[in-house]
Amino acid sequence: MASFLLIRLLRWTAGLLLILFVTYAMMYYGAGDPIRMMFIQGEDFDSEDEVVMQALRKKYGLDEPFLVQFGNYLSKLGQGDWGRSIRLQVDRPVLDIVRFRLPISMQLGFAATVIGAVIGLALGVIAALYHNRWLDRLTVSSVLFINGIPIFVILPMLLLLLVLQLKVIDVPYGWNGLFHIDAALPVAVISIGILPIVVRQTRSAMLEVKSQLYVRTARAKGLPESRIILRHMLRPVLTPVVTTLGLIMIGLINGSLFVEYILNIPGFGLLTIEGIKKVDYPIIMAVAVVGTLIIFISNFLVDIIYPILDPRVRAP
């Protein structure tokens, strides 16, 4: 186990360094000068004073060559200093911003994952049990139809239906906590984004398990169908679903970008968009760090949970 963790840690470190290097290079050579952008787009700046801009570049360490800048960034990052925001919340520590924004997106993502997983598993099991019958066709076609609609289209459609037509809710805007009624719509929209993945994986796995000898033996013994599904079929079905956790996490991240932007939820997704729009180097790098760690940790959880669900893959 120790060697497994060590190998994983080395891979994570190498992968994170590569992603940070590529991200920093793309910003340095393609995103534009954030100090000049501050003068061009900022409301508080009337002219482009080169002396002032050079002083600001020196203050934020942007007057050095690329490799020197990147080395300084890694050195500070290793000491827990994520830098200070240049344009989004000027001169505020980026780590403080992330600590405020990330928990909001994590709450939305956790709730959406639970709802999407429960509904997706149920629909996948039902579709497999009624294979090639009208209920299976209806479930699969509905999931494919939903999967073909982008999240930034689904959300306005639901707003039109629920707010203007049915008038069951007011326009949700901002963040008032996970258990506030305004959080129901963003959670539902994000969960819709991951629902097709769970349904397809569950249905495919369920169809494979149905034909297994131990399932037919359990039926021959007269066990109730509900017990066969819950105790003998569901556990191996969860294995391929868990392996898609990385894809699910990517779906949550992508979904939160649009949902938080449209509904002005001050989460990590909105922070990503704001950082890119304002060419805020430290914010963009923080987004790269956190996003990469989320994917790495989700894959690590898959490696741990997979042998528990399927003992056959354990090392001898």
Protein backbone atom coordinates (compact mmCIF):
# COMPACT_ATOMS: atom_id res chain seq x y z
CA MET A 1 0.00 0.00 0.00
CA ALA A 2 2.86 2.36 0.80
CA SER A 3 4.50 1.74 -2.58
CA PHE A 4 1.14 2.26 -4.29
CA LEU A 5 0.67 5.62 -2.58
CA LEU A 6 4.27 6.64 -3.34
CA ILE A 7 3.88 5.85 -7.05
CA ARG A 8 0.60 7.74 -7.15
CA LEU A 9 2.14 10.71 -5.39
CA LEU A 10 5.03 10.83 -7.87
CA ARG A 11 2.62 10.64 -10.80
CA TRP A 12 0.45 13.38 -9.33
CA THR A 13 3.44 15.62 -8.74
CA ALA A 14 4.74 15.16 -12.28
CA GLY A 15 1.28 15.65 -13.78
CA LEU A 16 0.58 18.74 -11.70
CA LEU A 17 3.92 20.32 -12.61
CA LEU A 18 3.30 19.66 -16.30
CA ILE A 19 -0.19 21.17 -16.17
CA LEU A 20 1.05 24.21 -14.26
CA PHE A 21 3.90 24.72 -16.74
CA VAL A 22 1.60 24.52 -19.77
CA THR A 23 -0.99 26.80 -18.14
CA TYR A 24 1.60 29.39 -17.15
CA ALA A 25 3.17 29.29 -20.63
CA MET A 26 -0.23 29.79 -22.28
CA MET A 27 -0.92 32.80 -20.09
CA TYR A 28 2.54 34.28 -20.52
CA TYR A 29 2.59 33.99 -24.30
CA GLY A 30 -1.10 34.21 -25.17
CA ALA A 31 -3.33 35.71 -22.48
CA GLY A 32 -1.95 39.21 -22.66
CA ASP A 33 -0.35 41.57 -20.19
CA PRO A 34 -2.65 41.72 -17.11
CA ILE A 35 -1.23 45.08 -16.05
CA ARG A 36 -1.95 46.65 -19.44
CA MET A 37 -5.40 45.02 -19.42
CA MET A 38 -5.96 46.63 -16.04
CA PHE A 39 -5.47 50.05 -17.60
CA ILE A 40 -7.47 49.31 -20.75
CA GLN A 41 -10.53 47.76 -19.06
CA GLY A 42 -10.38 49.28 -15.59
CA GLU A 43 -12.77 52.07 -14.72
CA ASP A 44 -10.30 53.71 -12.36
CA PHE A 45 -7.55 54.22 -14.93
CA ASP A 46 -7.65 57.06 -17.45
CA SER A 47 -4.32 56.57 -19.20
CA GLU A 48 -1.57 54.07 -19.76
CA ASP A 49 1.30 55.40 -17.69
CA GLU A 50 4.31 53.19 -18.50
CA VAL A 51 6.07 54.13 -15.28
CA VAL A 52 3.07 53.08 -13.19
CA MET A 53 2.61 49.90 -15.21
CA GLN A 54 6.25 48.96 -14.80
CA ALA A 55 5.99 49.51 -11.04
CA LEU A 56 2.93 47.25 -10.92
CA ARG A 57 4.69 44.57 -12.99
CA LYS A 58 7.59 44.65 -10.52
CA LYS A 59 5.20 44.47 -7.57
CA TYR A 60 3.52 41.31 -8.89
CA GLY A 61 6.73 39.78 -10.26
CA LEU A 62 5.69 40.11 -13.89
CA ASP A 63 8.82 41.92 -15.03
CA GLU A 64 10.96 38.76 -14.99
CA PRO A 65 11.58 36.24 -17.82
CA PHE A 66 9.19 33.32 -18.17
CA LEU A 67 11.26 30.63 -16.43
CA VAL A 68 12.12 32.97 -13.56
CA GLN A 69 8.46 33.86 -13.07
CA PHE A 70 7.41 30.22 -13.17
CA GLY A 71 10.16 29.23 -10.74
CA ASN A 72 9.15 31.98 -8.33
CA TYR A 73 5.54 30.86 -8.54
CA LEU A 74 6.39 27.24 -7.74
CA SER A 75 8.60 28.33 -4.84
CA LYS A 76 5.82 30.43 -3.30
CA LEU A 77 3.23 27.73 -3.99
CA GLY A 78 5.35 25.23 -2.08
CA GLN A 79 5.30 27.62 0.89
CA GLY A 80 1.51 27.94 0.78
CA ASP A 81 1.50 31.32 -0.96
CA TRP A 82 -0.87 31.16 -3.95
CA GLY A 83 -0.18 34.76 -4.88
CA ARG A 84 -2.38 37.85 -4.72
CA SER A 85 -5.19 38.73 -7.10
CA ILE A 86 -4.14 41.33 -9.66
CA ARG A 87 -7.49 42.41 -11.07
CA LEU A 88 -10.40 40.39 -9.67
CA GLN A 89 -10.08 41.47 -6.03
CA VAL A 90 -6.98 43.59 -6.23
CA ASP A 91 -4.19 42.63 -3.84
CA ARG A 92 -6.28 40.08 -1.94
CA PRO A 93 -4.62 36.68 -1.26
CA VAL A 94 -5.82 34.15 -3.80
CA LEU A 95 -6.00 31.42 -1.16
CA ASP A 96 -8.57 33.45 0.78
CA ILE A 97 -10.68 33.81 -2.36
CA VAL A 98 -10.49 30.08 -3.07
CA ARG A 99 -11.40 29.22 0.53
CA PHE A 100 -14.56 31.29 0.19
CA ARG A 101 -15.57 30.20 -3.31
CA LEU A 102 -14.67 26.50 -3.39
CA PRO A 103 -16.98 25.27 -0.58
CA ILE A 104 -19.99 26.69 -2.43
CA SER A 105 -19.21 24.69 -5.56
CA MET A 106 -18.40 21.63 -3.46
CA GLN A 107 -21.84 21.78 -1.83
CA LEU A 108 -23.53 22.08 -5.22
CA GLY A 109 -21.38 19.29 -6.65
CA PHE A 110 -21.96 16.92 -3.72
CA ALA A 111 -25.73 17.40 -3.79
CA ALA A 112 -25.83 17.01 -7.59
CA THR A 113 -23.70 13.85 -7.40
CA VAL A 114 -25.96 12.21 -4.83
CA ILE A 115 -29.14 13.08 -6.72
CA GLY A 116 -27.71 12.16 -10.12
CA ALA A 117 -26.28 8.87 -8.82
CA VAL A 118 -29.47 7.75 -7.07
CA ILE A 119 -31.77 8.63 -9.97
CA GLY A 120 -29.30 7.37 -12.56
CA LEU A 121 -28.85 4.02 -10.83
CA ALA A 122 -32.60 3.58 -10.49
CA LEU A 123 -33.27 4.42 -14.14
CA GLY A 124 -30.41 2.24 -15.34
CA VAL A 125 -31.63 -0.75 -13.33
CA ILE A 126 -35.22 -0.30 -14.53
CA ALA A 127 -34.10 0.01 -18.15
CA ALA A 128 -32.06 -3.19 -17.90
CA LEU A 129 -34.82 -5.16 -16.17
CA TYR A 130 -37.25 -4.19 -18.94
CA HIS A 131 -34.69 -4.65 -21.72
CA ASN A 132 -36.04 -4.00 -25.23
CA ARG A 133 -39.48 -3.13 -23.87
CA TRP A 134 -41.21 0.23 -23.98
CA LEU A 135 -39.92 1.33 -20.57
CA ASP A 136 -36.32 0.61 -21.62
CA ARG A 137 -36.75 2.47 -24.91
CA LEU A 138 -38.39 5.42 -23.18
CA THR A 139 -35.61 5.68 -20.59
CA VAL A 140 -32.77 5.39 -23.09
CA SER A 141 -34.31 7.81 -25.59
CA SER A 142 -35.06 10.34 -22.86
CA VAL A 143 -31.50 10.17 -21.55
CA LEU A 144 -30.05 10.55 -25.05
CA PHE A 145 -32.33 13.51 -25.69
CA ILE A 146 -31.30 15.22 -22.46
CA ASN A 147 -27.64 14.46 -23.15
CA GLY A 148 -27.92 16.29 -26.48
CA ILE A 149 -29.07 19.55 -24.86
CA PRO A 150 -26.25 21.75 -23.47
CA ILE A 151 -26.53 22.87 -19.87
CA PHE A 152 -26.55 26.53 -20.92
CA VAL A 153 -29.74 25.75 -22.87
CA ILE A 154 -31.41 23.56 -20.24
CA LEU A 155 -31.12 26.21 -17.52
CA PRO A 156 -32.89 29.04 -19.42
CA MET A 157 -35.58 26.57 -20.52
CA LEU A 158 -36.24 25.55 -16.93
CA LEU A 159 -36.26 29.20 -15.86
CA LEU A 160 -38.89 29.99 -18.49
CA LEU A 161 -40.99 26.98 -17.44
CA LEU A 162 -40.75 27.25 -13.65
CA VAL A 163 -40.58 31.03 -13.24
CA LEU A 164 -42.63 32.52 -16.08
CA GLN A 165 -45.07 29.75 -17.02
CA LEU A 166 -45.75 27.71 -13.87
CA LYS A 167 -44.63 30.46 -11.46
CA VAL A 168 -43.67 27.92 -8.80
CA ILE A 169 -40.41 29.68 -7.89
CA ASP A 170 -38.90 33.14 -8.11
CA VAL A 171 -35.80 33.78 -10.16
CA PRO A 172 -32.95 32.13 -8.19
CA TYR A 173 -30.04 34.52 -7.98
CA GLY A 174 -26.96 34.46 -5.79
CA TRP A 175 -26.26 32.03 -2.98
CA ASN A 176 -28.29 31.64 0.20
CA GLY A 177 -27.12 28.19 1.27
CA LEU A 178 -27.63 24.66 0.00
CA PHE A 179 -30.93 24.17 1.82
CA HIS A 180 -32.50 27.34 0.46
CA ILE A 181 -35.15 26.93 -2.23
CA ASP A 182 -32.97 28.89 -4.67
CA ALA A 183 -30.38 26.08 -4.63
CA ALA A 184 -32.86 23.50 -5.95
CA LEU A 185 -32.64 24.64 -9.57
CA PRO A 186 -28.83 24.79 -9.91
CA VAL A 187 -28.47 21.41 -8.17
CA ALA A 188 -31.06 19.88 -10.49
CA VAL A 189 -29.42 21.30 -13.62
CA ILE A 190 -25.93 20.11 -12.63
CA SER A 191 -27.26 16.64 -11.75
CA ILE A 192 -28.92 16.44 -15.18
CA GLY A 193 -25.48 16.88 -16.70
CA ILE A 194 -24.11 13.70 -15.08
CA LEU A 195 -27.34 11.66 -15.26
CA PRO A 196 -26.74 10.18 -18.76
CA ILE A 197 -23.31 8.86 -17.77
CA VAL A 198 -24.70 7.01 -14.74
CA VAL A 199 -27.74 5.64 -16.60
CA ARG A 200 -25.73 4.27 -19.53
CA GLN A 201 -23.10 2.65 -17.33
CA THR A 202 -25.68 1.16 -14.96
CA ARG A 203 -27.82 -0.24 -17.77
CA SER A 204 -24.86 -1.83 -19.56
CA ALA A 205 -23.50 -3.39 -16.37
CA MET A 206 -26.94 -4.60 -15.31
CA LEU A 207 -27.50 -6.34 -18.65
CA GLU A 208 -24.18 -8.13 -18.26
CA VAL A 209 -24.88 -9.20 -14.68
CA LYS A 210 -28.39 -10.48 -15.50
CA SER A 211 -26.98 -13.36 -17.51
CA GLN A 212 -24.51 -14.49 -14.84
CA LEU A 213 -24.87 -17.99 -13.42
CA TYR A 214 -25.09 -16.90 -9.77
CA VAL A 215 -28.07 -14.67 -10.57
CA ARG A 216 -29.94 -17.55 -12.24
CA THR A 217 -29.05 -19.77 -9.29
CA ALA A 218 -30.46 -17.20 -6.85
CA ARG A 219 -33.70 -17.10 -8.84
CA ALA A 220 -33.84 -20.89 -8.92
CA LYS A 221 -33.64 -20.92 -5.14
CA GLY A 222 -36.76 -18.77 -5.01
CA LEU A 223 -35.19 -15.61 -3.60
CA PRO A 224 -37.30 -12.45 -3.95
CA GLU A 225 -36.41 -10.36 -7.00
CA SER A 226 -35.78 -7.27 -4.86
CA ARG A 227 -33.25 -9.18 -2.76
CA ILE A 228 -31.51 -10.52 -5.86
CA ILE A 229 -31.18 -7.02 -7.30
CA LEU A 230 -30.00 -5.32 -4.11
CA ARG A 231 -27.70 -8.02 -2.73
CA HIS A 232 -26.45 -9.94 -5.76
CA MET A 233 -26.65 -7.62 -8.76
CA LEU A 234 -26.22 -4.05 -7.57
CA ARG A 235 -22.73 -4.40 -6.11
CA PRO A 236 -21.00 -5.51 -9.36
CA VAL A 237 -23.09 -2.95 -11.22
CA LEU A 238 -21.57 -0.17 -9.11
CA THR A 239 -18.06 -1.06 -10.27
CA PRO A 240 -18.22 0.43 -13.80
CA VAL A 241 -20.20 3.37 -12.45
CA VAL A 242 -17.46 4.17 -9.95
CA THR A 243 -14.81 3.98 -12.67
CA THR A 244 -16.52 6.89 -14.43
CA LEU A 245 -16.09 9.09 -11.37
CA GLY A 246 -13.47 11.12 -13.23
CA LEU A 247 -15.91 11.82 -16.07
CA ILE A 248 -18.58 12.68 -13.53
CA MET A 249 -16.27 15.16 -11.81
CA ILE A 250 -15.48 16.79 -15.16
CA GLY A 251 -19.23 17.04 -15.82
CA LEU A 252 -19.75 18.67 -12.44
CA ILE A 253 -16.99 21.21 -13.08
CA ASN A 254 -18.25 22.07 -16.56
CA GLY A 255 -21.83 22.27 -15.35
CA SER A 256 -20.98 24.56 -12.46
CA LEU A 257 -19.27 27.02 -14.84
CA PHE A 258 -22.47 27.85 -16.72
CA VAL A 259 -24.87 27.48 -13.81
CA GLU A 260 -22.89 29.73 -11.48
CA TYR A 261 -22.31 32.29 -14.22
CA ILE A 262 -25.98 32.53 -15.25
CA LEU A 263 -27.35 32.54 -11.69
CA ASN A 264 -24.48 34.63 -10.28
CA ILE A 265 -23.57 32.02 -7.67
CA PRO A 266 -20.21 33.07 -6.15
CA GLY A 267 -18.65 29.63 -6.44
CA PHE A 268 -15.50 28.23 -7.96
CA GLY A 269 -17.02 28.02 -11.44
CA LEU A 270 -17.81 31.73 -11.50
CA LEU A 271 -14.33 32.43 -10.13
CA THR A 272 -12.87 30.55 -13.11
CA ILE A 273 -14.79 32.64 -15.62
CA GLU A 274 -14.01 35.91 -13.84
CA GLY A 275 -10.31 35.08 -13.60
CA ILE A 276 -10.07 34.29 -17.31
CA LYS A 277 -12.06 37.36 -18.37
CA LYS A 278 -9.90 39.67 -16.29
CA VAL A 279 -6.62 37.90 -17.19
CA ASP A 280 -5.79 37.47 -13.51
CA TYR A 281 -2.72 35.20 -13.55
CA PRO A 282 -2.82 34.04 -9.90
CA ILE A 283 -6.54 33.24 -10.11
CA ILE A 284 -6.10 31.24 -13.31
CA MET A 285 -3.21 29.29 -11.79
CA ALA A 286 -5.26 28.57 -8.67
CA VAL A 287 -8.07 27.24 -10.86
CA ALA A 288 -5.58 24.96 -12.62
CA VAL A 289 -4.20 23.68 -9.30
CA VAL A 290 -7.59 22.99 -7.71
CA GLY A 291 -9.13 21.51 -10.86
CA THR A 292 -6.18 19.16 -11.34
CA LEU A 293 -6.24 18.05 -7.70
CA ILE A 294 -9.98 17.34 -7.92
CA ILE A 295 -9.45 15.03 -10.90
CA PHE A 296 -6.45 13.35 -9.25
CA ILE A 297 -8.28 12.75 -5.98
CA SER A 298 -11.37 11.39 -7.76
CA ASN A 299 -9.20 8.90 -9.68
CA PHE A 300 -7.45 7.95 -6.44
CA LEU A 301 -10.82 7.23 -4.82
CA VAL A 302 -11.68 5.02 -7.78
CA ASP A 303 -8.46 3.03 -7.22
CA ILE A 304 -9.42 2.52 -3.57
CA ILE A 305 -13.12 1.75 -4.02
CA TYR A 306 -12.75 -0.50 -7.08
CA PRO A 307 -11.13 -3.46 -5.24
CA ILE A 308 -13.73 -3.16 -2.46
CA LEU A 309 -16.60 -3.50 -4.93
CA ASP A 310 -14.90 -6.18 -7.01
CA PRO A 311 -12.46 -8.36 -4.97
CA ARG A 312 -11.36 -10.12 -8.17
CA VAL A 313 -9.16 -7.17 -9.13
CA ARG A 314 -7.19 -7.24 -5.88
CA ALA A 315 -3.54 -8.12 -6.13
CA PRO A 316 -2.80 -11.70 -4.98
